[in-house]
């Protein structure tokens, strides 16, 4: 899935910043880091279990789009590239 397919410009103001706060995300395991995409309504979560979860969001819901479980140890940091 391309990140550009998750962009919804109706939620951006004139200077291209998000104009709302996404709904909360609740997970069973601890979240070690969370980052928001610089170009889309997407957030990434790194968990103590080593899992990485990617969510899309709008003002009503947050939806898990992808889950990666490549790490066997805790994943303590996550980053987006400058282009998302």
PDB file of N, CA and C in Angstrom:
ATOM      1  N   UNK A   1       0.843  -1.174   0.000  1.00  0.00           N
ATOM      2  CA  UNK A   1       0.000   0.000   0.000  1.00  0.00           C
ATOM      3  C   UNK A   1       0.885   1.233   0.000  1.00  0.00           C
ATOM      4  N   UNK A   2       0.616   2.170  -0.881  1.00  0.00           N
ATOM      5  CA  UNK A   2       1.375   3.403  -0.909  1.00  0.00           C
ATOM      6  C   UNK A   2       0.831   4.383   0.114  1.00  0.00           C
ATOM      7  N   UNK A   3       1.731   5.119   0.736  1.00  0.00           N
ATOM      8  CA  UNK A   3       1.329   6.122   1.716  1.00  0.00           C
ATOM      9  C   UNK A   3       0.446   7.181   1.066  1.00  0.00           C
ATOM     10  N   UNK A   4       0.711   7.542  -0.177  1.00  0.00           N
ATOM     11  CA  UNK A   4      -0.079   8.585  -0.836  1.00  0.00           C
ATOM     12  C   UNK A   4      -1.557   8.219  -0.910  1.00  0.00           C
ATOM     13  N   UNK A   5      -1.879   6.928  -0.885  1.00  0.00           N
ATOM     14  CA  UNK A   5      -3.284   6.524  -0.916  1.00  0.00           C
ATOM     15  C   UNK A   5      -3.974   6.785   0.414  1.00  0.00           C
ATOM     16  N   UNK A   6      -3.213   7.064   1.474  1.00  0.00           N
ATOM     17  CA  UNK A   6      -3.783   7.315   2.791  1.00  0.00           C
ATOM     18  C   UNK A   6      -3.966   8.803   3.080  1.00  0.00           C
ATOM     19  N   UNK A   7      -3.489   9.671   2.201  1.00  0.00           N
ATOM     20  CA  UNK A   7      -3.585  11.110   2.415  1.00  0.00           C
ATOM     21  C   UNK A   7      -5.006  11.576   2.144  1.00  0.00           C
ATOM     22  N   UNK A   8      -5.546  12.350   3.065  1.00  0.00           N
ATOM     23  CA  UNK A   8      -6.867  12.942   2.885  1.00  0.00           C
ATOM     24  C   UNK A   8      -6.726  14.438   3.098  1.00  0.00           C
ATOM     25  N   UNK A   9      -6.673  15.191   2.007  1.00  0.00           N
ATOM     26  CA  UNK A   9      -6.424  16.626   2.095  1.00  0.00           C
ATOM     27  C   UNK A   9      -7.549  17.401   2.756  1.00  0.00           C
ATOM     28  N   UNK A  10      -8.706  16.821   2.940  1.00  0.00           N
ATOM     29  CA  UNK A  10      -9.794  17.542   3.604  1.00  0.00           C
ATOM     30  C   UNK A  10      -9.494  17.775   5.076  1.00  0.00           C
ATOM     31  N   UNK A  11      -8.501  17.079   5.617  1.00  0.00           N
ATOM     32  CA  UNK A  11      -8.137  17.239   7.018  1.00  0.00           C
ATOM     33  C   UNK A  11      -6.900  18.104   7.201  1.00  0.00           C
ATOM     34  N   UNK A  12      -6.478  18.787   6.157  1.00  0.00           N
ATOM     35  CA  UNK A  12      -5.292  19.630   6.229  1.00  0.00           C
ATOM     36  C   UNK A  12      -5.703  21.091   6.095  1.00  0.00           C
ATOM     37  N   UNK A  13      -5.009  21.983   6.804  1.00  0.00           N
ATOM     38  CA  UNK A  13      -5.290  23.397   6.632  1.00  0.00           C
ATOM     39  C   UNK A  13      -4.363  23.963   5.567  1.00  0.00           C
ATOM     40  N   UNK A  14      -4.363  25.273   5.363  1.00  0.00           N
ATOM     41  CA  UNK A  14      -3.625  25.883   4.248  1.00  0.00           C
ATOM     42  C   UNK A  14      -2.125  25.663   4.293  1.00  0.00           C
ATOM     43  N   UNK A  15      -1.545  25.568   5.472  1.00  0.00           N
ATOM     44  CA  UNK A  15      -0.099  25.331   5.539  1.00  0.00           C
ATOM     45  C   UNK A  15       0.226  23.840   5.641  1.00  0.00           C
ATOM     46  N   UNK A  16      -0.737  22.971   5.271  1.00  0.00           N
ATOM     47  CA  UNK A  16      -0.561  21.524   5.194  1.00  0.00           C
ATOM     48  C   UNK A  16      -0.264  20.871   6.543  1.00  0.00           C
ATOM     49  N   UNK A  17      -0.833  21.410   7.616  1.00  0.00           N
ATOM     50  CA  UNK A  17      -0.739  20.751   8.908  1.00  0.00           C
ATOM     51  C   UNK A  17      -2.088  20.166   9.267  1.00  0.00           C
ATOM     52  N   UNK A  18      -2.053  19.104  10.004  1.00  0.00           N
ATOM     53  CA  UNK A  18      -3.268  18.397  10.388  1.00  0.00           C
ATOM     54  C   UNK A  18      -4.108  19.276  11.318  1.00  0.00           C
ATOM     55  N   UNK A  19      -5.436  19.288  11.140  1.00  0.00           N
ATOM     56  CA  UNK A  19      -6.293  20.174  11.917  1.00  0.00           C
ATOM     57  C   UNK A  19      -7.124  19.435  12.957  1.00  0.00           C
ATOM     58  N   UNK A  20      -6.781  18.206  13.267  1.00  0.00           N
ATOM     59  CA  UNK A  20      -7.485  17.461  14.302  1.00  0.00           C
ATOM     60  C   UNK A  20      -6.537  16.473  14.956  1.00  0.00           C
ATOM     61  N   UNK A  21      -7.006  15.871  16.004  1.00  0.00           N
ATOM     62  CA  UNK A  21      -6.231  14.875  16.736  1.00  0.00           C
ATOM     63  C   UNK A  21      -6.844  13.496  16.490  1.00  0.00           C
ATOM     64  N   UNK A  22      -6.031  12.486  16.155  1.00  0.00           N
ATOM     65  CA  UNK A  22      -6.603  11.163  15.882  1.00  0.00           C
ATOM     66  C   UNK A  22      -7.125  10.512  17.165  1.00  0.00           C
ATOM     67  N   UNK A  23      -8.091   9.619  17.031  1.00  0.00           N
ATOM     68  CA  UNK A  23      -8.577   8.875  18.199  1.00  0.00           C
ATOM     69  C   UNK A  23      -7.449   8.049  18.831  1.00  0.00           C
ATOM     70  N   UNK A  24      -7.598   7.737  20.107  1.00  0.00           N
ATOM     71  CA  UNK A  24      -6.594   6.970  20.836  1.00  0.00           C
ATOM     72  C   UNK A  24      -6.415   5.570  20.272  1.00  0.00           C
ATOM     73  N   UNK A  25      -5.206   5.034  20.447  1.00  0.00           N
ATOM     74  CA  UNK A  25      -4.874   3.659  20.088  1.00  0.00           C
ATOM     75  C   UNK A  25      -4.570   2.921  21.385  1.00  0.00           C
ATOM     76  N   UNK A  26      -5.230   1.801  21.614  1.00  0.00           N
ATOM     77  CA  UNK A  26      -4.994   0.991  22.804  1.00  0.00           C
ATOM     78  C   UNK A  26      -4.475  -0.372  22.374  1.00  0.00           C
ATOM     79  N   UNK A  27      -3.353  -0.785  22.970  1.00  0.00           N
ATOM     80  CA  UNK A  27      -2.748  -2.074  22.660  1.00  0.00           C
ATOM     81  C   UNK A  27      -2.474  -2.823  23.959  1.00  0.00           C
ATOM     82  N   UNK A  28      -2.389  -4.154  23.874  1.00  0.00           N
ATOM     83  CA  UNK A  28      -2.135  -4.973  25.056  1.00  0.00           C
ATOM     84  C   UNK A  28      -0.718  -4.811  25.584  1.00  0.00           C
ATOM     85  N   UNK A  29       0.242  -4.590  24.682  1.00  0.00           N
ATOM     86  CA  UNK A  29       1.643  -4.475  25.081  1.00  0.00           C
ATOM     87  C   UNK A  29       2.095  -3.018  25.048  1.00  0.00           C
ATOM     88  N   UNK A  30       3.153  -2.727  25.803  1.00  0.00           N
ATOM     89  CA  UNK A  30       3.639  -1.353  25.919  1.00  0.00           C
ATOM     90  C   UNK A  30       4.099  -0.789  24.583  1.00  0.00           C
ATOM     91  N   UNK A  31       3.795   0.488  24.374  1.00  0.00           N
ATOM     92  CA  UNK A  31       4.268   1.242  23.216  1.00  0.00           C
ATOM     93  C   UNK A  31       5.563   1.930  23.618  1.00  0.00           C
ATOM     94  N   UNK A  32       6.621   1.701  22.850  1.00  0.00           N
ATOM     95  CA  UNK A  32       7.922   2.287  23.157  1.00  0.00           C
ATOM     96  C   UNK A  32       8.161   3.591  22.408  1.00  0.00           C
ATOM     97  N   UNK A  33       7.581   3.725  21.210  1.00  0.00           N
ATOM     98  CA  UNK A  33       7.757   4.942  20.418  1.00  0.00           C
ATOM     99  C   UNK A  33       6.580   5.073  19.468  1.00  0.00           C
ATOM    100  N   UNK A  34       6.254   6.298  19.117  1.00  0.00           N
ATOM    101  CA  UNK A  34       5.193   6.573  18.152  1.00  0.00           C
ATOM    102  C   UNK A  34       5.626   7.760  17.315  1.00  0.00           C
ATOM    103  N   UNK A  35       5.404   7.672  16.015  1.00  0.00           N
ATOM    104  CA  UNK A  35       5.756   8.761  15.109  1.00  0.00           C
ATOM    105  C   UNK A  35       4.611   8.977  14.121  1.00  0.00           C
ATOM    106  N   UNK A  36       4.412  10.236  13.754  1.00  0.00           N
ATOM    107  CA  UNK A  36       3.420  10.602  12.761  1.00  0.00           C
ATOM    108  C   UNK A  36       4.113  10.863  11.434  1.00  0.00           C
ATOM    109  N   UNK A  37       3.506  10.415  10.344  1.00  0.00           N
ATOM    110  CA  UNK A  37       4.050  10.649   9.019  1.00  0.00           C
ATOM    111  C   UNK A  37       4.053  12.146   8.724  1.00  0.00           C
ATOM    112  N   UNK A  38       5.102  12.640   8.062  1.00  0.00           N
ATOM    113  CA  UNK A  38       5.141  14.058   7.707  1.00  0.00           C
ATOM    114  C   UNK A  38       4.276  14.400   6.497  1.00  0.00           C
ATOM    115  N   UNK A  39       3.731  13.391   5.798  1.00  0.00           N
ATOM    116  CA  UNK A  39       2.999  13.675   4.560  1.00  0.00           C
ATOM    117  C   UNK A  39       1.608  13.054   4.482  1.00  0.00           C
ATOM    118  N   UNK A  40       1.193  12.287   5.487  1.00  0.00           N
ATOM    119  CA  UNK A  40      -0.088  11.588   5.390  1.00  0.00           C
ATOM    120  C   UNK A  40      -0.690  11.412   6.776  1.00  0.00           C
ATOM    121  N   UNK A  41      -1.956  11.046   6.821  1.00  0.00           N
ATOM    122  CA  UNK A  41      -2.638  10.747   8.081  1.00  0.00           C
ATOM    123  C   UNK A  41      -2.299   9.314   8.488  1.00  0.00           C
ATOM    124  N   UNK A  42      -1.039   9.114   8.821  1.00  0.00           N
ATOM    125  CA  UNK A  42      -0.505   7.791   9.146  1.00  0.00           C
ATOM    126  C   UNK A  42       0.375   7.926  10.384  1.00  0.00           C
ATOM    127  N   UNK A  43       0.296   6.941  11.263  1.00  0.00           N
ATOM    128  CA  UNK A  43       1.198   6.900  12.398  1.00  0.00           C
ATOM    129  C   UNK A  43       1.776   5.506  12.519  1.00  0.00           C
ATOM    130  N   UNK A  44       2.981   5.438  13.069  1.00  0.00           N
ATOM    131  CA  UNK A  44       3.671   4.165  13.266  1.00  0.00           C
ATOM    132  C   UNK A  44       3.954   4.002  14.751  1.00  0.00           C
ATOM    133  N   UNK A  45       3.792   2.780  15.233  1.00  0.00           N
ATOM    134  CA  UNK A  45       3.972   2.466  16.645  1.00  0.00           C
ATOM    135  C   UNK A  45       5.001   1.343  16.776  1.00  0.00           C
ATOM    136  N   UNK A  46       5.994   1.544  17.650  1.00  0.00           N
ATOM    137  CA  UNK A  46       6.973   0.505  17.973  1.00  0.00           C
ATOM    138  C   UNK A  46       6.623  -0.043  19.348  1.00  0.00           C
ATOM    139  N   UNK A  47       6.598  -1.381  19.478  1.00  0.00           N
ATOM    140  CA  UNK A  47       6.184  -1.996  20.730  1.00  0.00           C
ATOM    141  C   UNK A  47       7.317  -2.752  21.412  1.00  0.00           C
ATOM    142  N   UNK A  48       7.160  -2.964  22.706  1.00  0.00           N
ATOM    143  CA  UNK A  48       8.131  -3.700  23.506  1.00  0.00           C
ATOM    144  C   UNK A  48       8.273  -5.136  23.007  1.00  0.00           C
ATOM    145  N   UNK A  49       7.269  -5.665  22.361  1.00  0.00           N
ATOM    146  CA  UNK A  49       7.307  -7.027  21.820  1.00  0.00           C
ATOM    147  C   UNK A  49       8.140  -7.130  20.543  1.00  0.00           C
ATOM    148  N   UNK A  50       8.537  -5.987  19.971  1.00  0.00           N
ATOM    149  CA  UNK A  50       9.260  -5.963  18.706  1.00  0.00           C
ATOM    150  C   UNK A  50       8.356  -5.714  17.517  1.00  0.00           C
ATOM    151  N   UNK A  51       7.064  -5.692  17.726  1.00  0.00           N
ATOM    152  CA  UNK A  51       6.124  -5.457  16.625  1.00  0.00           C
ATOM    153  C   UNK A  51       6.091  -3.977  16.237  1.00  0.00           C
ATOM    154  N   UNK A  52       5.904  -3.745  14.950  1.00  0.00           N
ATOM    155  CA  UNK A  52       5.684  -2.412  14.395  1.00  0.00           C
ATOM    156  C   UNK A  52       4.278  -2.411  13.820  1.00  0.00           C
ATOM    157  N   UNK A  53       3.488  -1.423  14.157  1.00  0.00           N
ATOM    158  CA  UNK A  53       2.126  -1.313  13.632  1.00  0.00           C
ATOM    159  C   UNK A  53       1.973   0.027  12.940  1.00  0.00           C
ATOM    160  N   UNK A  54       1.329  -0.003  11.773  1.00  0.00           N
ATOM    161  CA  UNK A  54       1.081   1.197  10.982  1.00  0.00           C
ATOM    162  C   UNK A  54      -0.428   1.430  10.963  1.00  0.00           C
ATOM    163  N   UNK A  55      -0.831   2.646  11.307  1.00  0.00           N
ATOM    164  CA  UNK A  55      -2.249   3.006  11.359  1.00  0.00           C
ATOM    165  C   UNK A  55      -2.530   4.185  10.443  1.00  0.00           C
ATOM    166  N   UNK A  56      -3.690   4.182   9.824  1.00  0.00           N
ATOM    167  CA  UNK A  56      -4.214   5.380   9.183  1.00  0.00           C
ATOM    168  C   UNK A  56      -5.282   5.932  10.120  1.00  0.00           C
ATOM    169  N   UNK A  57      -5.541   7.215  10.024  1.00  0.00           N
ATOM    170  CA  UNK A  57      -6.514   7.809  10.932  1.00  0.00           C
ATOM    171  C   UNK A  57      -7.244   8.971  10.279  1.00  0.00           C
ATOM    172  N   UNK A  58      -8.409   9.251  10.814  1.00  0.00           N
ATOM    173  CA  UNK A  58      -9.165  10.451  10.487  1.00  0.00           C
ATOM    174  C   UNK A  58      -9.752  10.961  11.795  1.00  0.00           C
ATOM    175  N   UNK A  59     -10.695  11.874  11.735  1.00  0.00           N
ATOM    176  CA  UNK A  59     -11.215  12.438  12.981  1.00  0.00           C
ATOM    177  C   UNK A  59     -12.148  11.495  13.727  1.00  0.00           C
ATOM    178  N   UNK A  60     -12.553  10.387  13.112  1.00  0.00           N
ATOM    179  CA  UNK A  60     -13.495   9.465  13.748  1.00  0.00           C
ATOM    180  C   UNK A  60     -12.879   8.135  14.173  1.00  0.00           C
ATOM    181  N   UNK A  61     -11.873   7.656  13.439  1.00  0.00           N
ATOM    182  CA  UNK A  61     -11.327   6.346  13.763  1.00  0.00           C
ATOM    183  C   UNK A  61      -9.855   6.225  13.382  1.00  0.00           C
ATOM    184  N   UNK A  62      -9.208   5.289  14.040  1.00  0.00           N
ATOM    185  CA  UNK A  62      -7.837   4.898  13.740  1.00  0.00           C
ATOM    186  C   UNK A  62      -7.886   3.439  13.323  1.00  0.00           C
ATOM    187  N   UNK A  63      -7.333   3.127  12.145  1.00  0.00           N
ATOM    188  CA  UNK A  63      -7.430   1.783  11.585  1.00  0.00           C
ATOM    189  C   UNK A  63      -6.038   1.206  11.343  1.00  0.00           C
ATOM    190  N   UNK A  64      -5.799   0.010  11.875  1.00  0.00           N
ATOM    191  CA  UNK A  64      -4.518  -0.643  11.626  1.00  0.00           C
ATOM    192  C   UNK A  64      -4.446  -1.072  10.165  1.00  0.00           C
ATOM    193  N   UNK A  65      -3.360  -0.679   9.490  1.00  0.00           N
ATOM    194  CA  UNK A  65      -3.161  -1.006   8.084  1.00  0.00           C
ATOM    195  C   UNK A  65      -2.157  -2.133   7.882  1.00  0.00           C
ATOM    196  N   UNK A  66      -1.123  -2.150   8.715  1.00  0.00           N
ATOM    197  CA  UNK A  66      -0.063  -3.147   8.578  1.00  0.00           C
ATOM    198  C   UNK A  66       0.497  -3.490   9.951  1.00  0.00           C
ATOM    199  N   UNK A  67       1.041  -4.695  10.050  1.00  0.00           N
ATOM    200  CA  UNK A  67       1.724  -5.125  11.268  1.00  0.00           C
ATOM    201  C   UNK A  67       2.956  -5.917  10.848  1.00  0.00           C
ATOM    202  N   UNK A  68       4.098  -5.543  11.394  1.00  0.00           N
ATOM    203  CA  UNK A  68       5.358  -6.217  11.092  1.00  0.00           C
ATOM    204  C   UNK A  68       5.895  -6.833  12.378  1.00  0.00           C
ATOM    205  N   UNK A  69       6.336  -8.074  12.300  1.00  0.00           N
ATOM    206  CA  UNK A  69       6.898  -8.722  13.489  1.00  0.00           C
ATOM    207  C   UNK A  69       8.269  -9.322  13.176  1.00  0.00           C
ATOM    208  N   UNK A  70       9.122  -8.512  12.551  1.00  0.00           N
ATOM    209  CA  UNK A  70      10.459  -8.953  12.171  1.00  0.00           C
ATOM    210  C   UNK A  70      11.417  -9.014  13.358  1.00  0.00           C
ATOM    211  N   UNK A  71      11.170  -8.199  14.380  1.00  0.00           N
ATOM    212  CA  UNK A  71      12.084  -8.103  15.514  1.00  0.00           C
ATOM    213  C   UNK A  71      11.737  -9.125  16.587  1.00  0.00           C
ATOM    214  N   UNK A  72      12.748  -9.758  17.156  1.00  0.00           N
ATOM    215  CA  UNK A  72      12.513 -10.683  18.265  1.00  0.00           C
ATOM    216  C   UNK A  72      12.698  -9.989  19.605  1.00  0.00           C
ATOM    217  N   UNK A  73      13.401  -8.846  19.614  1.00  0.00           N
ATOM    218  CA  UNK A  73      13.596  -8.055  20.819  1.00  0.00           C
ATOM    219  C   UNK A  73      12.746  -6.791  20.737  1.00  0.00           C
ATOM    220  N   UNK A  74      12.718  -6.055  21.814  1.00  0.00           N
ATOM    221  CA  UNK A  74      11.952  -4.819  21.885  1.00  0.00           C
ATOM    222  C   UNK A  74      12.369  -3.842  20.793  1.00  0.00           C
ATOM    223  N   UNK A  75      11.409  -3.206  20.185  1.00  0.00           N
ATOM    224  CA  UNK A  75      11.667  -2.147  19.210  1.00  0.00           C
ATOM    225  C   UNK A  75      11.425  -0.823  19.926  1.00  0.00           C
ATOM    226  N   UNK A  76      12.470  -0.075  20.182  1.00  0.00           N
ATOM    227  CA  UNK A  76      12.371   1.107  21.040  1.00  0.00           C
ATOM    228  C   UNK A  76      12.323   2.423  20.288  1.00  0.00           C
ATOM    229  N   UNK A  77      12.506   2.420  18.973  1.00  0.00           N
ATOM    230  CA  UNK A  77      12.462   3.651  18.207  1.00  0.00           C
ATOM    231  C   UNK A  77      11.962   3.365  16.803  1.00  0.00           C
ATOM    232  N   UNK A  78      11.288   4.332  16.228  1.00  0.00           N
ATOM    233  CA  UNK A  78      10.762   4.212  14.871  1.00  0.00           C
ATOM    234  C   UNK A  78      10.812   5.588  14.229  1.00  0.00           C
ATOM    235  N   UNK A  79      11.036   5.648  12.926  1.00  0.00           N
ATOM    236  CA  UNK A  79      11.131   6.913  12.208  1.00  0.00           C
ATOM    237  C   UNK A  79      10.491   6.786  10.836  1.00  0.00           C
ATOM    238  N   UNK A  80      10.007   7.886  10.317  1.00  0.00           N
ATOM    239  CA  UNK A  80       9.580   7.985   8.924  1.00  0.00           C
ATOM    240  C   UNK A  80      10.686   8.694   8.168  1.00  0.00           C
ATOM    241  N   UNK A  81      10.825   8.377   6.897  1.00  0.00           N
ATOM    242  CA  UNK A  81      11.754   9.143   6.058  1.00  0.00           C
ATOM    243  C   UNK A  81      11.115  10.520   5.822  1.00  0.00           C
ATOM    244  N   UNK A  82      11.877  11.524   5.412  1.00  0.00           N
ATOM    245  CA  UNK A  82      11.310  12.861   5.220  1.00  0.00           C
ATOM    246  C   UNK A  82      10.137  12.912   4.224  1.00  0.00           C
ATOM    247  N   UNK A  83      10.114  11.980   3.280  1.00  0.00           N
ATOM    248  CA  UNK A  83       9.013  11.973   2.311  1.00  0.00           C
ATOM    249  C   UNK A  83       7.872  11.046   2.726  1.00  0.00           C
ATOM    250  N   UNK A  84       7.933  10.568   3.975  1.00  0.00           N
ATOM    251  CA  UNK A  84       6.842   9.754   4.515  1.00  0.00           C
ATOM    252  C   UNK A  84       7.013   8.288   4.317  1.00  0.00           C
TER     253      UNK A  84
END
